């Protein structure tokens, strides 16, 4: 995501009008964020591991979420 946003900024920086450049950059970032959340939501709505409830336990067991008490409750 950082690379995509950086590319948006680099491309919009080529526009001489700073207000237009900033406006287009922010619109592109907002569109990208919305698209990312929408795609993620659709994949979760129709993905079999999410529909069955298995994916939540898998996510909670990752390093990012600390393998904490919520994962223990779901595992039990």
PDB file of N, CA and C in Angstrom:
ATOM      1  N   UNK A   1       0.823  -1.180   0.000  1.00  0.00           N
ATOM      2  CA  UNK A   1       0.000   0.000   0.000  1.00  0.00           C
ATOM      3  C   UNK A   1       0.879   1.260   0.000  1.00  0.00           C
ATOM      4  N   UNK A   2       1.966   1.195   0.726  1.00  0.00           N
ATOM      5  CA  UNK A   2       2.879   2.344   0.761  1.00  0.00           C
ATOM      6  C   UNK A   2       3.428   2.638  -0.628  1.00  0.00           C
ATOM      7  N   UNK A   3       3.769   1.601  -1.356  1.00  0.00           N
ATOM      8  CA  UNK A   3       4.302   1.786  -2.709  1.00  0.00           C
ATOM      9  C   UNK A   3       3.251   2.409  -3.628  1.00  0.00           C
ATOM     10  N   UNK A   4       2.025   1.969  -3.520  1.00  0.00           N
ATOM     11  CA  UNK A   4       0.955   2.509  -4.364  1.00  0.00           C
ATOM     12  C   UNK A   4       0.739   3.990  -4.059  1.00  0.00           C
ATOM     13  N   UNK A   5       0.676   4.330  -2.776  1.00  0.00           N
ATOM     14  CA  UNK A   5       0.462   5.727  -2.388  1.00  0.00           C
ATOM     15  C   UNK A   5       1.640   6.600  -2.814  1.00  0.00           C
ATOM     16  N   UNK A   6       2.838   6.071  -2.684  1.00  0.00           N
ATOM     17  CA  UNK A   6       4.023   6.820  -3.115  1.00  0.00           C
ATOM     18  C   UNK A   6       3.974   7.075  -4.618  1.00  0.00           C
ATOM     19  N   UNK A   7       3.526   6.085  -5.369  1.00  0.00           N
ATOM     20  CA  UNK A   7       3.408   6.265  -6.818  1.00  0.00           C
ATOM     21  C   UNK A   7       2.345   7.303  -7.155  1.00  0.00           C
ATOM     22  N   UNK A   8       1.237   7.298  -6.421  1.00  0.00           N
ATOM     23  CA  UNK A   8       0.213   8.323  -6.627  1.00  0.00           C
ATOM     24  C   UNK A   8       0.804   9.714  -6.394  1.00  0.00           C
ATOM     25  N   UNK A   9       1.575   9.848  -5.313  1.00  0.00           N
ATOM     26  CA  UNK A   9       2.150  11.162  -5.010  1.00  0.00           C
ATOM     27  C   UNK A   9       3.141  11.581  -6.078  1.00  0.00           C
ATOM     28  N   UNK A  10       3.952  10.643  -6.542  1.00  0.00           N
ATOM     29  CA  UNK A  10       4.940  10.962  -7.578  1.00  0.00           C
ATOM     30  C   UNK A  10       4.246  11.407  -8.869  1.00  0.00           C
ATOM     31  N   UNK A  11       3.185  10.718  -9.236  1.00  0.00           N
ATOM     32  CA  UNK A  11       2.470  11.082 -10.468  1.00  0.00           C
ATOM     33  C   UNK A  11       1.753  12.415 -10.328  1.00  0.00           C
ATOM     34  N   UNK A  12       1.088  12.622  -9.214  1.00  0.00           N
ATOM     35  CA  UNK A  12       0.351  13.877  -9.054  1.00  0.00           C
ATOM     36  C   UNK A  12       1.290  15.064  -8.826  1.00  0.00           C
ATOM     37  N   UNK A  13       2.500  14.811  -8.372  1.00  0.00           N
ATOM     38  CA  UNK A  13       3.472  15.893  -8.188  1.00  0.00           C
ATOM     39  C   UNK A  13       3.897  16.505  -9.518  1.00  0.00           C
ATOM     40  N   UNK A  14       3.657  15.801 -10.614  1.00  0.00           N
ATOM     41  CA  UNK A  14       3.997  16.321 -11.943  1.00  0.00           C
ATOM     42  C   UNK A  14       3.024  17.397 -12.408  1.00  0.00           C
ATOM     43  N   UNK A  15       1.905  17.540 -11.712  1.00  0.00           N
ATOM     44  CA  UNK A  15       0.912  18.552 -12.073  1.00  0.00           C
ATOM     45  C   UNK A  15       1.354  19.891 -11.483  1.00  0.00           C
ATOM     46  N   UNK A  16       1.507  20.921 -12.321  1.00  0.00           N
ATOM     47  CA  UNK A  16       2.037  22.203 -11.838  1.00  0.00           C
ATOM     48  C   UNK A  16       1.152  22.901 -10.787  1.00  0.00           C
ATOM     49  N   UNK A  17      -0.166  22.800 -10.931  1.00  0.00           N
ATOM     50  CA  UNK A  17      -1.087  23.448  -9.987  1.00  0.00           C
ATOM     51  C   UNK A  17      -1.123  22.641  -8.692  1.00  0.00           C
ATOM     52  N   UNK A  18      -0.600  23.219  -7.622  1.00  0.00           N
ATOM     53  CA  UNK A  18      -0.473  22.476  -6.352  1.00  0.00           C
ATOM     54  C   UNK A  18      -1.823  22.057  -5.778  1.00  0.00           C
ATOM     55  N   UNK A  19      -2.815  22.928  -5.862  1.00  0.00           N
ATOM     56  CA  UNK A  19      -4.134  22.573  -5.324  1.00  0.00           C
ATOM     57  C   UNK A  19      -4.729  21.386  -6.085  1.00  0.00           C
ATOM     58  N   UNK A  20      -4.627  21.417  -7.388  1.00  0.00           N
ATOM     59  CA  UNK A  20      -5.139  20.317  -8.205  1.00  0.00           C
ATOM     60  C   UNK A  20      -4.339  19.049  -7.932  1.00  0.00           C
ATOM     61  N   UNK A  21      -3.035  19.188  -7.825  1.00  0.00           N
ATOM     62  CA  UNK A  21      -2.167  18.046  -7.540  1.00  0.00           C
ATOM     63  C   UNK A  21      -2.546  17.385  -6.215  1.00  0.00           C
ATOM     64  N   UNK A  22      -2.691  18.191  -5.179  1.00  0.00           N
ATOM     65  CA  UNK A  22      -3.057  17.655  -3.861  1.00  0.00           C
ATOM     66  C   UNK A  22      -4.452  17.046  -3.875  1.00  0.00           C
ATOM     67  N   UNK A  23      -5.383  17.707  -4.586  1.00  0.00           N
ATOM     68  CA  UNK A  23      -6.743  17.193  -4.665  1.00  0.00           C
ATOM     69  C   UNK A  23      -6.779  15.825  -5.341  1.00  0.00           C
ATOM     70  N   UNK A  24      -6.100  15.701  -6.465  1.00  0.00           N
ATOM     71  CA  UNK A  24      -6.074  14.418  -7.174  1.00  0.00           C
ATOM     72  C   UNK A  24      -5.378  13.334  -6.343  1.00  0.00           C
ATOM     73  N   UNK A  25      -4.315  13.715  -5.655  1.00  0.00           N
ATOM     74  CA  UNK A  25      -3.615  12.754  -4.808  1.00  0.00           C
ATOM     75  C   UNK A  25      -4.539  12.217  -3.712  1.00  0.00           C
ATOM     76  N   UNK A  26      -5.219  13.117  -3.025  1.00  0.00           N
ATOM     77  CA  UNK A  26      -6.111  12.683  -1.942  1.00  0.00           C
ATOM     78  C   UNK A  26      -7.282  11.874  -2.469  1.00  0.00           C
ATOM     79  N   UNK A  27      -7.794  12.233  -3.623  1.00  0.00           N
ATOM     80  CA  UNK A  27      -8.880  11.437  -4.221  1.00  0.00           C
ATOM     81  C   UNK A  27      -8.396  10.025  -4.564  1.00  0.00           C
ATOM     82  N   UNK A  28      -7.193   9.928  -5.098  1.00  0.00           N
ATOM     83  CA  UNK A  28      -6.635   8.622  -5.448  1.00  0.00           C
ATOM     84  C   UNK A  28      -6.410   7.766  -4.208  1.00  0.00           C
ATOM     85  N   UNK A  29      -5.888   8.378  -3.141  1.00  0.00           N
ATOM     86  CA  UNK A  29      -5.663   7.638  -1.897  1.00  0.00           C
ATOM     87  C   UNK A  29      -6.994   7.178  -1.300  1.00  0.00           C
ATOM     88  N   UNK A  30      -7.996   8.057  -1.303  1.00  0.00           N
ATOM     89  CA  UNK A  30      -9.313   7.675  -0.790  1.00  0.00           C
ATOM     90  C   UNK A  30      -9.937   6.552  -1.612  1.00  0.00           C
ATOM     91  N   UNK A  31      -9.808   6.637  -2.924  1.00  0.00           N
ATOM     92  CA  UNK A  31     -10.322   5.573  -3.779  1.00  0.00           C
ATOM     93  C   UNK A  31      -9.616   4.254  -3.486  1.00  0.00           C
ATOM     94  N   UNK A  32      -8.295   4.308  -3.362  1.00  0.00           N
ATOM     95  CA  UNK A  32      -7.508   3.095  -3.100  1.00  0.00           C
ATOM     96  C   UNK A  32      -7.901   2.478  -1.758  1.00  0.00           C
ATOM     97  N   UNK A  33      -8.081   3.308  -0.741  1.00  0.00           N
ATOM     98  CA  UNK A  33      -8.470   2.796   0.577  1.00  0.00           C
ATOM     99  C   UNK A  33      -9.849   2.155   0.509  1.00  0.00           C
ATOM    100  N   UNK A  34     -10.782   2.815  -0.149  1.00  0.00           N
ATOM    101  CA  UNK A  34     -12.124   2.251  -0.291  1.00  0.00           C
ATOM    102  C   UNK A  34     -12.117   0.942  -1.058  1.00  0.00           C
ATOM    103  N   UNK A  35     -11.350   0.895  -2.126  1.00  0.00           N
ATOM    104  CA  UNK A  35     -11.246  -0.322  -2.917  1.00  0.00           C
ATOM    105  C   UNK A  35     -10.642  -1.462  -2.097  1.00  0.00           C
ATOM    106  N   UNK A  36      -9.613  -1.155  -1.326  1.00  0.00           N
ATOM    107  CA  UNK A  36      -8.968  -2.180  -0.502  1.00  0.00           C
ATOM    108  C   UNK A  36      -9.941  -2.781   0.506  1.00  0.00           C
ATOM    109  N   UNK A  37     -10.696  -1.921   1.185  1.00  0.00           N
ATOM    110  CA  UNK A  37     -11.661  -2.415   2.163  1.00  0.00           C
ATOM    111  C   UNK A  37     -12.795  -3.184   1.486  1.00  0.00           C
ATOM    112  N   UNK A  38     -13.248  -2.709   0.337  1.00  0.00           N
ATOM    113  CA  UNK A  38     -14.329  -3.388  -0.369  1.00  0.00           C
ATOM    114  C   UNK A  38     -13.903  -4.783  -0.824  1.00  0.00           C
ATOM    115  N   UNK A  39     -12.731  -4.886  -1.424  1.00  0.00           N
ATOM    116  CA  UNK A  39     -12.240  -6.188  -1.898  1.00  0.00           C
ATOM    117  C   UNK A  39     -12.058  -7.145  -0.722  1.00  0.00           C
ATOM    118  N   UNK A  40     -11.512  -6.632   0.369  1.00  0.00           N
ATOM    119  CA  UNK A  40     -11.331  -7.460   1.560  1.00  0.00           C
ATOM    120  C   UNK A  40     -12.681  -7.945   2.097  1.00  0.00           C
ATOM    121  N   UNK A  41     -13.644  -7.058   2.135  1.00  0.00           N
ATOM    122  CA  UNK A  41     -14.972  -7.427   2.632  1.00  0.00           C
ATOM    123  C   UNK A  41     -15.654  -8.464   1.753  1.00  0.00           C
ATOM    124  N   UNK A  42     -15.555  -8.285   0.456  1.00  0.00           N
ATOM    125  CA  UNK A  42     -16.172  -9.249  -0.470  1.00  0.00           C
ATOM    126  C   UNK A  42     -15.507 -10.614  -0.338  1.00  0.00           C
ATOM    127  N   UNK A  43     -14.186 -10.622  -0.229  1.00  0.00           N
ATOM    128  CA  UNK A  43     -13.504 -11.913  -0.100  1.00  0.00           C
ATOM    129  C   UNK A  43     -13.877 -12.603   1.210  1.00  0.00           C
ATOM    130  N   UNK A  44     -14.088 -11.830   2.257  1.00  0.00           N
ATOM    131  CA  UNK A  44     -14.497 -12.424   3.532  1.00  0.00           C
ATOM    132  C   UNK A  44     -15.941 -12.892   3.487  1.00  0.00           C
ATOM    133  N   UNK A  45     -16.789 -12.178   2.764  1.00  0.00           N
ATOM    134  CA  UNK A  45     -18.196 -12.553   2.690  1.00  0.00           C
ATOM    135  C   UNK A  45     -18.403 -13.867   1.940  1.00  0.00           C
ATOM    136  N   UNK A  46     -17.523 -14.141   0.986  1.00  0.00           N
ATOM    137  CA  UNK A  46     -17.711 -15.335   0.164  1.00  0.00           C
ATOM    138  C   UNK A  46     -16.638 -16.400   0.351  1.00  0.00           C
ATOM    139  N   UNK A  47     -15.581 -16.101   1.085  1.00  0.00           N
ATOM    140  CA  UNK A  47     -14.520 -17.084   1.310  1.00  0.00           C
ATOM    141  C   UNK A  47     -14.984 -18.170   2.270  1.00  0.00           C
ATOM    142  N   UNK A  48     -14.759 -19.402   1.919  1.00  0.00           N
ATOM    143  CA  UNK A  48     -15.297 -20.516   2.720  1.00  0.00           C
ATOM    144  C   UNK A  48     -14.755 -20.532   4.144  1.00  0.00           C
ATOM    145  N   UNK A  49     -13.483 -20.201   4.335  1.00  0.00           N
ATOM    146  CA  UNK A  49     -12.946 -20.230   5.700  1.00  0.00           C
ATOM    147  C   UNK A  49     -13.548 -19.115   6.548  1.00  0.00           C
ATOM    148  N   UNK A  50     -13.908 -17.991   5.934  1.00  0.00           N
ATOM    149  CA  UNK A  50     -14.562 -16.918   6.688  1.00  0.00           C
ATOM    150  C   UNK A  50     -16.006 -17.271   6.970  1.00  0.00           C
ATOM    151  N   UNK A  51     -16.690 -17.844   5.993  1.00  0.00           N
ATOM    152  CA  UNK A  51     -18.100 -18.205   6.178  1.00  0.00           C
ATOM    153  C   UNK A  51     -18.239 -19.267   7.262  1.00  0.00           C
ATOM    154  N   UNK A  52     -17.311 -20.227   7.309  1.00  0.00           N
ATOM    155  CA  UNK A  52     -17.357 -21.286   8.311  1.00  0.00           C
ATOM    156  C   UNK A  52     -16.847 -20.825   9.677  1.00  0.00           C
ATOM    157  N   UNK A  53     -16.176 -19.690   9.727  1.00  0.00           N
ATOM    158  CA  UNK A  53     -15.669 -19.159  10.988  1.00  0.00           C
ATOM    159  C   UNK A  53     -14.271 -19.610  11.336  1.00  0.00           C
ATOM    160  N   UNK A  54     -13.605 -20.337  10.469  1.00  0.00           N
ATOM    161  CA  UNK A  54     -12.250 -20.829  10.741  1.00  0.00           C
ATOM    162  C   UNK A  54     -11.195 -19.729  10.625  1.00  0.00           C
ATOM    163  N   UNK A  55     -11.416 -18.774   9.761  1.00  0.00           N
ATOM    164  CA  UNK A  55     -10.404 -17.756   9.480  1.00  0.00           C
ATOM    165  C   UNK A  55     -10.161 -16.835  10.678  1.00  0.00           C
ATOM    166  N   UNK A  56     -11.189 -16.559  11.459  1.00  0.00           N
ATOM    167  CA  UNK A  56     -11.012 -15.672  12.605  1.00  0.00           C
ATOM    168  C   UNK A  56     -10.007 -16.255  13.590  1.00  0.00           C
ATOM    169  N   UNK A  57     -10.115 -17.514  13.876  1.00  0.00           N
ATOM    170  CA  UNK A  57      -9.154 -18.172  14.761  1.00  0.00           C
ATOM    171  C   UNK A  57      -7.748 -18.111  14.163  1.00  0.00           C
ATOM    172  N   UNK A  58      -7.640 -18.352  12.869  1.00  0.00           N
ATOM    173  CA  UNK A  58      -6.329 -18.291  12.214  1.00  0.00           C
ATOM    174  C   UNK A  58      -5.711 -16.898  12.319  1.00  0.00           C
ATOM    175  N   UNK A  59      -6.516 -15.863  12.152  1.00  0.00           N
ATOM    176  CA  UNK A  59      -6.006 -14.495  12.249  1.00  0.00           C
ATOM    177  C   UNK A  59      -5.576 -14.197  13.675  1.00  0.00           C
ATOM    178  N   UNK A  60      -6.370 -14.601  14.636  1.00  0.00           N
ATOM    179  CA  UNK A  60      -6.049 -14.306  16.030  1.00  0.00           C
ATOM    180  C   UNK A  60      -4.820 -15.064  16.519  1.00  0.00           C
ATOM    181  N   UNK A  61      -4.417 -16.090  15.821  1.00  0.00           N
ATOM    182  CA  UNK A  61      -3.233 -16.858  16.211  1.00  0.00           C
ATOM    183  C   UNK A  61      -1.948 -16.313  15.588  1.00  0.00           C
ATOM    184  N   UNK A  62      -2.034 -15.280  14.788  1.00  0.00           N
ATOM    185  CA  UNK A  62      -0.839 -14.740  14.153  1.00  0.00           C
ATOM    186  C   UNK A  62      -0.030 -13.899  15.128  1.00  0.00           C
ATOM    187  N   UNK A  63       1.211 -13.650  14.783  1.00  0.00           N
ATOM    188  CA  UNK A  63       2.084 -12.817  15.612  1.00  0.00           C
ATOM    189  C   UNK A  63       1.516 -11.414  15.785  1.00  0.00           C
ATOM    190  N   UNK A  64       0.911 -10.891  14.742  1.00  0.00           N
ATOM    191  CA  UNK A  64       0.387  -9.525  14.790  1.00  0.00           C
ATOM    192  C   UNK A  64      -0.687  -9.367  15.865  1.00  0.00           C
ATOM    193  N   UNK A  65      -1.448 -10.409  16.109  1.00  0.00           N
ATOM    194  CA  UNK A  65      -2.517 -10.330  17.108  1.00  0.00           C
ATOM    195  C   UNK A  65      -2.138 -11.039  18.397  1.00  0.00           C
ATOM    196  N   UNK A  66      -0.918 -11.466  18.512  1.00  0.00           N
ATOM    197  CA  UNK A  66      -0.362 -11.919  19.776  1.00  0.00           C
ATOM    198  C   UNK A  66      -0.735 -13.283  20.287  1.00  0.00           C
ATOM    199  N   UNK A  67      -1.478 -14.041  19.531  1.00  0.00           N
ATOM    200  CA  UNK A  67      -1.874 -15.367  20.015  1.00  0.00           C
ATOM    201  C   UNK A  67      -2.445 -15.288  21.423  1.00  0.00           C
ATOM    202  N   UNK A  68      -3.298 -14.322  21.618  1.00  0.00           N
ATOM    203  CA  UNK A  68      -3.788 -14.007  22.952  1.00  0.00           C
ATOM    204  C   UNK A  68      -5.017 -14.760  23.401  1.00  0.00           C
ATOM    205  N   UNK A  69      -5.672 -14.221  24.437  1.00  0.00           N
ATOM    206  CA  UNK A  69      -6.810 -14.882  25.060  1.00  0.00           C
ATOM    207  C   UNK A  69      -7.997 -15.064  24.135  1.00  0.00           C
ATOM    208  N   UNK A  70      -8.207 -14.146  23.185  1.00  0.00           N
ATOM    209  CA  UNK A  70      -9.332 -14.314  22.277  1.00  0.00           C
ATOM    210  C   UNK A  70      -9.170 -15.584  21.454  1.00  0.00           C
ATOM    211  N   UNK A  71      -7.962 -15.869  21.017  1.00  0.00           N
ATOM    212  CA  UNK A  71      -7.729 -17.096  20.251  1.00  0.00           C
ATOM    213  C   UNK A  71      -7.943 -18.324  21.121  1.00  0.00           C
ATOM    214  N   UNK A  72      -7.559 -18.257  22.385  1.00  0.00           N
ATOM    215  CA  UNK A  72      -7.783 -19.379  23.313  1.00  0.00           C
ATOM    216  C   UNK A  72      -9.273 -19.661  23.498  1.00  0.00           C
ATOM    217  N   UNK A  73     -10.059 -18.606  23.608  1.00  0.00           N
ATOM    218  CA  UNK A  73     -11.511 -18.775  23.784  1.00  0.00           C
ATOM    219  C   UNK A  73     -12.122 -19.420  22.549  1.00  0.00           C
ATOM    220  N   UNK A  74     -11.727 -18.942  21.361  1.00  0.00           N
ATOM    221  CA  UNK A  74     -12.258 -19.498  20.122  1.00  0.00           C
ATOM    222  C   UNK A  74     -11.805 -20.933  19.894  1.00  0.00           C
ATOM    223  N   UNK A  75     -10.589 -21.245  20.316  1.00  0.00           N
ATOM    224  CA  UNK A  75     -10.059 -22.601  20.124  1.00  0.00           C
ATOM    225  C   UNK A  75     -10.826 -23.606  20.990  1.00  0.00           C
ATOM    226  N   UNK A  76     -11.248 -23.160  22.167  1.00  0.00           N
ATOM    227  CA  UNK A  76     -11.892 -24.051  23.139  1.00  0.00           C
ATOM    228  C   UNK A  76     -13.231 -24.471  22.754  1.00  0.00           C
TER     229      UNK A  76
END
